[in-house]
């Protein structure tokens, strides 16, 4: 049971919420000429895959010791539990032993999948997080990356470029996929749509919406079954701003744009109760 629950959690983590924001301050500044600067200062969580690997290992280890299942009196009205016969215990043991190899092969496949989604990094390796931090430091824009333990990274990111292309944050070298915190798509007519799917939680169309809650339940169940400590999960709390001297065509802030030194400012307070991911449509050019 524990191995199955952990496998489900691994699959969910690998296909969805690989990383998540913690406490942060983020700004996307875009000028009418298309020049933009994106900054993110604060916490990023790798969703405790090393903890997940430890829980999985604990679950697999417990499988190596046969535990007798209860037997029930099918003839009684209340289907009462009764002592198992020797033949029934022997049958249970045979079934358990027949599944040992299948469980080992399944665990090996899951471990390989986790390494593949982490760009070859073994999440059970104590040095895995630092190896990931080293990769980020080599990527353009990552000014500071410090690993604090338990999947928590303190980072400073800043990148300036031109809106001649789409922009996504974050990107991780050799990761086949991550969930996007911020996406900027350039449309024809010099219009840019900026949205932050990673900064939305409840009631949104974001495919990662509510994922942390679901993973929390899976981790709790796995923790109870395997006897391993439940990993800490991220608590999103931050501010996202868009600053522009272009024309704001649409946005989903509560109060609309305000005027600041760099032009119009859109601001969202982001936490677990954020009803929808931040979004704005901005006309660039003259």
C-alpha atoms as a PDB file:
ATOM      1  CA  UNK A   1       0.000   0.000   0.000  1.00  0.00           C
ATOM      2  CA  UNK A   2       2.730   2.466   0.943  1.00  0.00           C
ATOM      3  CA  UNK A   3       4.715   1.718  -2.203  1.00  0.00           C
ATOM      4  CA  UNK A   4       1.617   2.277  -4.346  1.00  0.00           C
ATOM      5  CA  UNK A   5       0.819   5.583  -2.627  1.00  0.00           C
ATOM      6  CA  UNK A   6       4.407   6.794  -2.955  1.00  0.00           C
ATOM      7  CA  UNK A   7       4.450   5.774  -6.618  1.00  0.00           C
ATOM      8  CA  UNK A   8       1.289   7.813  -7.166  1.00  0.00           C
ATOM      9  CA  UNK A   9       2.916  10.786  -5.454  1.00  0.00           C
ATOM     10  CA  UNK A  10       6.027  10.389  -7.584  1.00  0.00           C
ATOM     11  CA  UNK A  11       3.995  10.280 -10.783  1.00  0.00           C
ATOM     12  CA  UNK A  12       2.053  13.369  -9.727  1.00  0.00           C
ATOM     13  CA  UNK A  13       5.217  15.244  -8.854  1.00  0.00           C
ATOM     14  CA  UNK A  14       7.004  14.250 -12.042  1.00  0.00           C
ATOM     15  CA  UNK A  15       4.159  15.168 -14.366  1.00  0.00           C
ATOM     16  CA  UNK A  16       3.137  18.377 -12.665  1.00  0.00           C
ATOM     17  CA  UNK A  17       4.453  20.313  -9.729  1.00  0.00           C
ATOM     18  CA  UNK A  18       8.215  19.812  -9.984  1.00  0.00           C
ATOM     19  CA  UNK A  19       8.926  23.227  -8.458  1.00  0.00           C
ATOM     20  CA  UNK A  20       6.869  25.772  -6.565  1.00  0.00           C
ATOM     21  CA  UNK A  21       7.324  29.342  -5.337  1.00  0.00           C
ATOM     22  CA  UNK A  22       7.645  30.053  -1.628  1.00  0.00           C
ATOM     23  CA  UNK A  23       8.061  33.582  -0.285  1.00  0.00           C
ATOM     24  CA  UNK A  24       9.054  35.893  -3.129  1.00  0.00           C
ATOM     25  CA  UNK A  25       9.010  39.292  -4.809  1.00  0.00           C
ATOM     26  CA  UNK A  26       8.799  39.328  -8.613  1.00  0.00           C
ATOM     27  CA  UNK A  27       8.575  42.045 -11.279  1.00  0.00           C
ATOM     28  CA  UNK A  28       8.116  41.966 -15.037  1.00  0.00           C
ATOM     29  CA  UNK A  29       9.006  45.376 -16.516  1.00  0.00           C
ATOM     30  CA  UNK A  30       8.358  45.801 -20.220  1.00  0.00           C
ATOM     31  CA  UNK A  31       8.926  48.984 -22.242  1.00  0.00           C
ATOM     32  CA  UNK A  32       7.134  50.141 -25.379  1.00  0.00           C
ATOM     33  CA  UNK A  33      10.213  49.367 -27.483  1.00  0.00           C
ATOM     34  CA  UNK A  34       9.947  45.719 -26.397  1.00  0.00           C
ATOM     35  CA  UNK A  35      12.832  45.753 -23.914  1.00  0.00           C
ATOM     36  CA  UNK A  36      11.940  43.820 -20.769  1.00  0.00           C
ATOM     37  CA  UNK A  37      13.516  42.855 -17.469  1.00  0.00           C
ATOM     38  CA  UNK A  38      12.214  40.029 -15.322  1.00  0.00           C
ATOM     39  CA  UNK A  39      13.284  39.601 -11.697  1.00  0.00           C
ATOM     40  CA  UNK A  40      12.479  36.971  -9.083  1.00  0.00           C
ATOM     41  CA  UNK A  41      13.913  37.238  -5.573  1.00  0.00           C
ATOM     42  CA  UNK A  42      12.977  34.731  -2.907  1.00  0.00           C
ATOM     43  CA  UNK A  43      12.309  31.055  -2.383  1.00  0.00           C
ATOM     44  CA  UNK A  44      11.885  28.207  -4.821  1.00  0.00           C
ATOM     45  CA  UNK A  45      11.002  24.731  -3.631  1.00  0.00           C
ATOM     46  CA  UNK A  46      11.950  21.508  -5.317  1.00  0.00           C
ATOM     47  CA  UNK A  47       8.974  19.556  -4.105  1.00  0.00           C
ATOM     48  CA  UNK A  48      10.803  17.298  -1.659  1.00  0.00           C
ATOM     49  CA  UNK A  49      11.659  14.610  -4.201  1.00  0.00           C
ATOM     50  CA  UNK A  50      14.597  13.533  -2.050  1.00  0.00           C
ATOM     51  CA  UNK A  51      12.132  13.039   0.821  1.00  0.00           C
ATOM     52  CA  UNK A  52       9.827  11.205  -1.560  1.00  0.00           C
ATOM     53  CA  UNK A  53      12.692   8.910  -2.548  1.00  0.00           C
ATOM     54  CA  UNK A  54      13.436   8.208   1.121  1.00  0.00           C
ATOM     55  CA  UNK A  55       9.777   7.400   1.778  1.00  0.00           C
ATOM     56  CA  UNK A  56       9.730   5.099  -1.233  1.00  0.00           C
ATOM     57  CA  UNK A  57      12.855   3.331  -0.028  1.00  0.00           C
ATOM     58  CA  UNK A  58      11.273   2.887   3.384  1.00  0.00           C
ATOM     59  CA  UNK A  59       8.129   1.478   1.818  1.00  0.00           C
ATOM     60  CA  UNK A  60      10.102  -0.955  -0.338  1.00  0.00           C
ATOM     61  CA  UNK A  61      12.168  -2.054   2.638  1.00  0.00           C
ATOM     62  CA  UNK A  62       9.028  -2.864   4.628  1.00  0.00           C
ATOM     63  CA  UNK A  63       7.885  -5.091   1.747  1.00  0.00           C
ATOM     64  CA  UNK A  64      10.788  -7.427   2.478  1.00  0.00           C
ATOM     65  CA  UNK A  65       9.134  -8.654   5.670  1.00  0.00           C
ATOM     66  CA  UNK A  66       6.016 -10.757   5.274  1.00  0.00           C
ATOM     67  CA  UNK A  67       3.039  -9.580   7.321  1.00  0.00           C
ATOM     68  CA  UNK A  68       0.036 -11.820   7.698  1.00  0.00           C
ATOM     69  CA  UNK A  69      -3.271 -10.354   6.522  1.00  0.00           C
ATOM     70  CA  UNK A  70      -6.424 -10.882   8.618  1.00  0.00           C
ATOM     71  CA  UNK A  71      -8.912 -13.600   7.705  1.00  0.00           C
ATOM     72  CA  UNK A  72     -12.695 -13.337   8.068  1.00  0.00           C
ATOM     73  CA  UNK A  73     -15.545 -15.716   8.704  1.00  0.00           C
ATOM     74  CA  UNK A  74     -17.604 -15.512   5.528  1.00  0.00           C
ATOM     75  CA  UNK A  75     -20.396 -17.563   7.090  1.00  0.00           C
ATOM     76  CA  UNK A  76     -21.021 -15.180   9.975  1.00  0.00           C
ATOM     77  CA  UNK A  77     -23.512 -12.316   9.706  1.00  0.00           C
ATOM     78  CA  UNK A  78     -20.986  -9.668  10.743  1.00  0.00           C
ATOM     79  CA  UNK A  79     -18.122 -11.137   8.684  1.00  0.00           C
ATOM     80  CA  UNK A  80     -16.091 -11.389  11.893  1.00  0.00           C
ATOM     81  CA  UNK A  81     -12.309 -11.601  11.883  1.00  0.00           C
ATOM     82  CA  UNK A  82     -10.923 -15.037  12.732  1.00  0.00           C
ATOM     83  CA  UNK A  83      -7.495 -16.691  13.009  1.00  0.00           C
ATOM     84  CA  UNK A  84      -6.063 -17.713   9.641  1.00  0.00           C
ATOM     85  CA  UNK A  85      -5.422 -21.374   8.967  1.00  0.00           C
ATOM     86  CA  UNK A  86      -1.930 -22.582   8.143  1.00  0.00           C
ATOM     87  CA  UNK A  87      -2.958 -23.140   4.523  1.00  0.00           C
ATOM     88  CA  UNK A  88      -4.294 -19.582   4.251  1.00  0.00           C
ATOM     89  CA  UNK A  89      -1.101 -18.129   5.718  1.00  0.00           C
ATOM     90  CA  UNK A  90       0.979 -20.228   3.335  1.00  0.00           C
ATOM     91  CA  UNK A  91      -1.088 -18.969   0.385  1.00  0.00           C
ATOM     92  CA  UNK A  92      -0.617 -15.364   1.507  1.00  0.00           C
ATOM     93  CA  UNK A  93       3.137 -15.903   1.795  1.00  0.00           C
ATOM     94  CA  UNK A  94       3.333 -17.481  -1.664  1.00  0.00           C
ATOM     95  CA  UNK A  95       1.493 -14.513  -3.164  1.00  0.00           C
ATOM     96  CA  UNK A  96       3.764 -12.076  -1.355  1.00  0.00           C
ATOM     97  CA  UNK A  97       6.942 -13.851  -2.445  1.00  0.00           C
ATOM     98  CA  UNK A  98       5.728 -14.002  -6.049  1.00  0.00           C
ATOM     99  CA  UNK A  99       5.432 -10.206  -6.047  1.00  0.00           C
ATOM    100  CA  UNK A 100       8.911  -9.406  -4.677  1.00  0.00           C
ATOM    101  CA  UNK A 101      10.611  -9.258  -8.061  1.00  0.00           C
ATOM    102  CA  UNK A 102       7.773  -7.234  -9.586  1.00  0.00           C
ATOM    103  CA  UNK A 103       8.038  -4.718  -6.754  1.00  0.00           C
ATOM    104  CA  UNK A 104      11.800  -4.415  -7.205  1.00  0.00           C
ATOM    105  CA  UNK A 105      11.422  -3.894 -10.950  1.00  0.00           C
ATOM    106  CA  UNK A 106       8.704  -1.298 -10.376  1.00  0.00           C
ATOM    107  CA  UNK A 107      10.873   0.574  -7.871  1.00  0.00           C
ATOM    108  CA  UNK A 108      13.785   0.558 -10.320  1.00  0.00           C
ATOM    109  CA  UNK A 109      11.576   1.967 -13.102  1.00  0.00           C
ATOM    110  CA  UNK A 110      10.253   4.705 -10.828  1.00  0.00           C
ATOM    111  CA  UNK A 111      13.786   5.632  -9.719  1.00  0.00           C
ATOM    112  CA  UNK A 112      14.897   5.863 -13.347  1.00  0.00           C
ATOM    113  CA  UNK A 113      11.891   8.042 -14.204  1.00  0.00           C
ATOM    114  CA  UNK A 114      12.707  10.379 -11.336  1.00  0.00           C
ATOM    115  CA  UNK A 115      16.333  10.668 -12.490  1.00  0.00           C
ATOM    116  CA  UNK A 116      15.191  11.355 -16.059  1.00  0.00           C
ATOM    117  CA  UNK A 117      12.857  14.155 -14.977  1.00  0.00           C
ATOM    118  CA  UNK A 118      15.634  15.644 -12.889  1.00  0.00           C
ATOM    119  CA  UNK A 119      18.026  15.713 -15.844  1.00  0.00           C
ATOM    120  CA  UNK A 120      19.997  12.698 -14.650  1.00  0.00           C
ATOM    121  CA  UNK A 121      20.206  13.784 -11.004  1.00  0.00           C
ATOM    122  CA  UNK A 122      19.456  11.025  -8.493  1.00  0.00           C
ATOM    123  CA  UNK A 123      17.012  12.549  -5.961  1.00  0.00           C
ATOM    124  CA  UNK A 124      18.128  10.082  -3.290  1.00  0.00           C
ATOM    125  CA  UNK A 125      21.732  11.335  -3.551  1.00  0.00           C
ATOM    126  CA  UNK A 126      22.534  13.725  -0.665  1.00  0.00           C
ATOM    127  CA  UNK A 127      24.441  15.914  -3.144  1.00  0.00           C
ATOM    128  CA  UNK A 128      21.548  16.093  -5.636  1.00  0.00           C
ATOM    129  CA  UNK A 129      20.272  19.496  -4.505  1.00  0.00           C
ATOM    130  CA  UNK A 130      23.716  21.083  -4.634  1.00  0.00           C
ATOM    131  CA  UNK A 131      24.269  19.616  -8.104  1.00  0.00           C
ATOM    132  CA  UNK A 132      21.027  21.236  -9.220  1.00  0.00           C
ATOM    133  CA  UNK A 133      22.091  24.539  -7.636  1.00  0.00           C
ATOM    134  CA  UNK A 134      25.367  24.390  -9.585  1.00  0.00           C
ATOM    135  CA  UNK A 135      23.451  23.918 -12.828  1.00  0.00           C
ATOM    136  CA  UNK A 136      21.285  26.951 -12.117  1.00  0.00           C
ATOM    137  CA  UNK A 137      24.300  29.115 -11.325  1.00  0.00           C
ATOM    138  CA  UNK A 138      25.656  28.351 -14.794  1.00  0.00           C
ATOM    139  CA  UNK A 139      22.443  29.520 -16.483  1.00  0.00           C
ATOM    140  CA  UNK A 140      22.064  33.136 -17.572  1.00  0.00           C
ATOM    141  CA  UNK A 141      20.031  35.261 -15.168  1.00  0.00           C
ATOM    142  CA  UNK A 142      20.570  33.281 -11.962  1.00  0.00           C
ATOM    143  CA  UNK A 143      22.552  35.736  -9.840  1.00  0.00           C
ATOM    144  CA  UNK A 144      22.372  33.761  -6.582  1.00  0.00           C
ATOM    145  CA  UNK A 145      21.318  30.195  -5.805  1.00  0.00           C
ATOM    146  CA  UNK A 146      21.690  28.889  -2.250  1.00  0.00           C
ATOM    147  CA  UNK A 147      20.373  25.545  -1.048  1.00  0.00           C
ATOM    148  CA  UNK A 148      18.891  25.721   2.451  1.00  0.00           C
ATOM    149  CA  UNK A 149      17.852  22.079   2.879  1.00  0.00           C
ATOM    150  CA  UNK A 150      14.541  20.193   2.638  1.00  0.00           C
ATOM    151  CA  UNK A 151      14.057  21.206  -0.994  1.00  0.00           C
ATOM    152  CA  UNK A 152      14.333  24.976  -0.330  1.00  0.00           C
ATOM    153  CA  UNK A 153      16.445  27.229  -2.546  1.00  0.00           C
ATOM    154  CA  UNK A 154      17.001  30.943  -1.947  1.00  0.00           C
ATOM    155  CA  UNK A 155      17.499  32.613  -5.326  1.00  0.00           C
ATOM    156  CA  UNK A 156      17.997  35.930  -7.072  1.00  0.00           C
ATOM    157  CA  UNK A 157      17.145  35.973 -10.770  1.00  0.00           C
ATOM    158  CA  UNK A 158      17.304  38.910 -13.195  1.00  0.00           C
ATOM    159  CA  UNK A 159      17.273  38.828 -16.980  1.00  0.00           C
ATOM    160  CA  UNK A 160      17.003  41.653 -19.525  1.00  0.00           C
ATOM    161  CA  UNK A 161      16.113  40.946 -23.138  1.00  0.00           C
ATOM    162  CA  UNK A 162      13.907  42.036 -26.032  1.00  0.00           C
ATOM    163  CA  UNK A 163      10.321  40.930 -26.677  1.00  0.00           C
ATOM    164  CA  UNK A 164      11.183  39.416 -30.044  1.00  0.00           C
ATOM    165  CA  UNK A 165      10.343  36.011 -28.577  1.00  0.00           C
ATOM    166  CA  UNK A 166       8.270  34.367 -25.892  1.00  0.00           C
ATOM    167  CA  UNK A 167       9.627  34.201 -22.342  1.00  0.00           C
ATOM    168  CA  UNK A 168       9.193  31.556 -19.645  1.00  0.00           C
ATOM    169  CA  UNK A 169      10.407  31.456 -16.055  1.00  0.00           C
ATOM    170  CA  UNK A 170      11.870  29.280 -14.715  1.00  0.00           C
ATOM    171  CA  UNK A 171      13.734  27.060 -17.137  1.00  0.00           C
ATOM    172  CA  UNK A 172      16.068  24.414 -15.752  1.00  0.00           C
ATOM    173  CA  UNK A 173      18.821  22.988 -17.897  1.00  0.00           C
ATOM    174  CA  UNK A 174      18.205  19.336 -18.882  1.00  0.00           C
ATOM    175  CA  UNK A 175      14.806  19.252 -17.185  1.00  0.00           C
ATOM    176  CA  UNK A 176      12.271  17.970 -19.746  1.00  0.00           C
ATOM    177  CA  UNK A 177       9.519  20.015 -18.094  1.00  0.00           C
ATOM    178  CA  UNK A 178       8.677  22.253 -15.168  1.00  0.00           C
ATOM    179  CA  UNK A 179       5.607  24.185 -14.156  1.00  0.00           C
ATOM    180  CA  UNK A 180       5.895  27.802 -15.289  1.00  0.00           C
ATOM    181  CA  UNK A 181       5.789  30.641 -12.783  1.00  0.00           C
ATOM    182  CA  UNK A 182       5.588  33.379 -15.444  1.00  0.00           C
ATOM    183  CA  UNK A 183       4.935  33.255 -19.198  1.00  0.00           C
ATOM    184  CA  UNK A 184       5.062  36.136 -21.704  1.00  0.00           C
ATOM    185  CA  UNK A 185       3.713  35.447 -25.209  1.00  0.00           C
ATOM    186  CA  UNK A 186       4.267  37.905 -28.047  1.00  0.00           C
ATOM    187  CA  UNK A 187       1.274  38.292 -30.362  1.00  0.00           C
ATOM    188  CA  UNK A 188       1.065  39.806 -33.802  1.00  0.00           C
ATOM    189  CA  UNK A 189       0.456  43.544 -33.675  1.00  0.00           C
ATOM    190  CA  UNK A 190       3.157  44.027 -31.011  1.00  0.00           C
ATOM    191  CA  UNK A 191       0.899  42.887 -28.191  1.00  0.00           C
ATOM    192  CA  UNK A 192       2.268  40.855 -25.291  1.00  0.00           C
ATOM    193  CA  UNK A 193       0.207  38.666 -22.995  1.00  0.00           C
ATOM    194  CA  UNK A 194       1.805  38.152 -19.584  1.00  0.00           C
ATOM    195  CA  UNK A 195       0.420  35.596 -17.166  1.00  0.00           C
ATOM    196  CA  UNK A 196       1.710  33.833 -14.085  1.00  0.00           C
ATOM    197  CA  UNK A 197       0.195  30.331 -13.879  1.00  0.00           C
ATOM    198  CA  UNK A 198       2.584  29.379 -11.088  1.00  0.00           C
ATOM    199  CA  UNK A 199       1.232  32.213  -8.932  1.00  0.00           C
ATOM    200  CA  UNK A 200      -2.380  31.026  -8.974  1.00  0.00           C
ATOM    201  CA  UNK A 201      -4.033  28.584  -6.599  1.00  0.00           C
ATOM    202  CA  UNK A 202      -7.768  28.321  -6.098  1.00  0.00           C
ATOM    203  CA  UNK A 203     -10.463  28.362  -8.723  1.00  0.00           C
ATOM    204  CA  UNK A 204      -8.208  28.941 -11.724  1.00  0.00           C
ATOM    205  CA  UNK A 205      -7.778  27.187 -15.035  1.00  0.00           C
ATOM    206  CA  UNK A 206      -4.133  26.647 -14.234  1.00  0.00           C
ATOM    207  CA  UNK A 207      -3.426  22.903 -14.680  1.00  0.00           C
ATOM    208  CA  UNK A 208      -1.214  23.051 -11.590  1.00  0.00           C
ATOM    209  CA  UNK A 209      -3.949  24.660  -9.507  1.00  0.00           C
ATOM    210  CA  UNK A 210      -4.526  22.902  -6.215  1.00  0.00           C
ATOM    211  CA  UNK A 211      -1.674  20.481  -6.879  1.00  0.00           C
ATOM    212  CA  UNK A 212       0.054  21.186  -3.602  1.00  0.00           C
ATOM    213  CA  UNK A 213      -3.113  20.314  -1.681  1.00  0.00           C
ATOM    214  CA  UNK A 214      -3.439  17.043  -3.533  1.00  0.00           C
ATOM    215  CA  UNK A 215       0.210  16.191  -3.020  1.00  0.00           C
ATOM    216  CA  UNK A 216      -0.096  16.988   0.664  1.00  0.00           C
ATOM    217  CA  UNK A 217      -2.803  14.335   1.006  1.00  0.00           C
ATOM    218  CA  UNK A 218      -0.708  11.790  -0.909  1.00  0.00           C
ATOM    219  CA  UNK A 219       2.371  12.519   1.182  1.00  0.00           C
ATOM    220  CA  UNK A 220       0.358  12.231   4.403  1.00  0.00           C
ATOM    221  CA  UNK A 221      -1.020   8.847   3.381  1.00  0.00           C
ATOM    222  CA  UNK A 222       2.413   7.632   2.328  1.00  0.00           C
ATOM    223  CA  UNK A 223       3.929   8.893   5.562  1.00  0.00           C
ATOM    224  CA  UNK A 224       1.361   7.020   7.641  1.00  0.00           C
ATOM    225  CA  UNK A 225       1.914   3.795   5.719  1.00  0.00           C
ATOM    226  CA  UNK A 226       5.703   3.883   5.430  1.00  0.00           C
ATOM    227  CA  UNK A 227       6.539   5.350   8.824  1.00  0.00           C
ATOM    228  CA  UNK A 228       8.685   8.041   7.189  1.00  0.00           C
ATOM    229  CA  UNK A 229       8.380  11.701   8.166  1.00  0.00           C
ATOM    230  CA  UNK A 230       6.079  13.753   5.954  1.00  0.00           C
ATOM    231  CA  UNK A 231       8.068  16.265   3.855  1.00  0.00           C
ATOM    232  CA  UNK A 232       7.499  19.972   4.250  1.00  0.00           C
ATOM    233  CA  UNK A 233       5.445  21.477   1.432  1.00  0.00           C
ATOM    234  CA  UNK A 234       5.818  25.023   0.135  1.00  0.00           C
ATOM    235  CA  UNK A 235       3.754  27.933   1.381  1.00  0.00           C
ATOM    236  CA  UNK A 236       3.341  30.447  -1.436  1.00  0.00           C
ATOM    237  CA  UNK A 237       3.378  34.083  -0.312  1.00  0.00           C
ATOM    238  CA  UNK A 238       4.602  36.925  -2.489  1.00  0.00           C
ATOM    239  CA  UNK A 239       4.036  39.905  -4.727  1.00  0.00           C
ATOM    240  CA  UNK A 240       4.030  40.005  -8.519  1.00  0.00           C
ATOM    241  CA  UNK A 241       4.178  43.293 -10.437  1.00  0.00           C
ATOM    242  CA  UNK A 242       4.039  44.309 -14.058  1.00  0.00           C
ATOM    243  CA  UNK A 243       5.504  47.735 -14.851  1.00  0.00           C
ATOM    244  CA  UNK A 244       5.098  49.222 -18.326  1.00  0.00           C
ATOM    245  CA  UNK A 245       4.959  52.432 -20.327  1.00  0.00           C
ATOM    246  CA  UNK A 246       2.825  50.614 -22.904  1.00  0.00           C
ATOM    247  CA  UNK A 247      -0.972  50.559 -23.038  1.00  0.00           C
ATOM    248  CA  UNK A 248      -2.654  48.135 -20.649  1.00  0.00           C
ATOM    249  CA  UNK A 249      -5.433  46.541 -22.712  1.00  0.00           C
ATOM    250  CA  UNK A 250      -6.646  44.083 -20.077  1.00  0.00           C
ATOM    251  CA  UNK A 251      -5.719  42.796 -16.626  1.00  0.00           C
ATOM    252  CA  UNK A 252      -7.245  40.912 -13.695  1.00  0.00           C
ATOM    253  CA  UNK A 253      -5.997  42.987 -10.765  1.00  0.00           C
ATOM    254  CA  UNK A 254      -8.543  44.099  -8.176  1.00  0.00           C
ATOM    255  CA  UNK A 255      -7.840  47.820  -8.582  1.00  0.00           C
ATOM    256  CA  UNK A 256      -6.363  48.215 -12.049  1.00  0.00           C
ATOM    257  CA  UNK A 257      -3.130  50.033 -12.925  1.00  0.00           C
ATOM    258  CA  UNK A 258      -1.581  52.721 -10.771  1.00  0.00           C
ATOM    259  CA  UNK A 259       1.035  55.276 -11.809  1.00  0.00           C
ATOM    260  CA  UNK A 260       4.654  54.755 -10.820  1.00  0.00           C
ATOM    261  CA  UNK A 261       8.120  56.014 -11.820  1.00  0.00           C
ATOM    262  CA  UNK A 262       8.347  53.496 -14.666  1.00  0.00           C
ATOM    263  CA  UNK A 263       4.831  54.032 -15.966  1.00  0.00           C
ATOM    264  CA  UNK A 264       1.739  51.992 -15.149  1.00  0.00           C
ATOM    265  CA  UNK A 265       2.017  49.417 -12.376  1.00  0.00           C
ATOM    266  CA  UNK A 266      -0.126  46.301 -11.964  1.00  0.00           C
ATOM    267  CA  UNK A 267       0.286  44.462  -8.673  1.00  0.00           C
ATOM    268  CA  UNK A 268      -0.982  41.161  -7.309  1.00  0.00           C
ATOM    269  CA  UNK A 269      -0.632  39.754  -3.799  1.00  0.00           C
ATOM    270  CA  UNK A 270      -0.065  36.038  -4.254  1.00  0.00           C
ATOM    271  CA  UNK A 271      -0.810  33.295  -1.717  1.00  0.00           C
ATOM    272  CA  UNK A 272      -2.769  30.055  -1.341  1.00  0.00           C
ATOM    273  CA  UNK A 273      -6.026  32.025  -1.539  1.00  0.00           C
ATOM    274  CA  UNK A 274      -5.238  33.796  -4.814  1.00  0.00           C
ATOM    275  CA  UNK A 275      -8.402  33.227  -6.880  1.00  0.00           C
ATOM    276  CA  UNK A 276      -6.775  33.298 -10.336  1.00  0.00           C
ATOM    277  CA  UNK A 277      -3.294  33.576 -11.843  1.00  0.00           C
ATOM    278  CA  UNK A 278      -2.164  37.130 -12.639  1.00  0.00           C
ATOM    279  CA  UNK A 279      -2.777  38.158 -16.272  1.00  0.00           C
ATOM    280  CA  UNK A 280      -2.299  41.289 -18.361  1.00  0.00           C
ATOM    281  CA  UNK A 281      -2.471  42.201 -22.043  1.00  0.00           C
ATOM    282  CA  UNK A 282      -0.206  45.071 -23.079  1.00  0.00           C
ATOM    283  CA  UNK A 283       0.119  46.979 -26.331  1.00  0.00           C
ATOM    284  CA  UNK A 284       3.720  47.880 -27.115  1.00  0.00           C
ATOM    285  CA  UNK A 285       5.085  50.204 -29.780  1.00  0.00           C
ATOM    286  CA  UNK A 286       3.965  53.696 -30.713  1.00  0.00           C
END
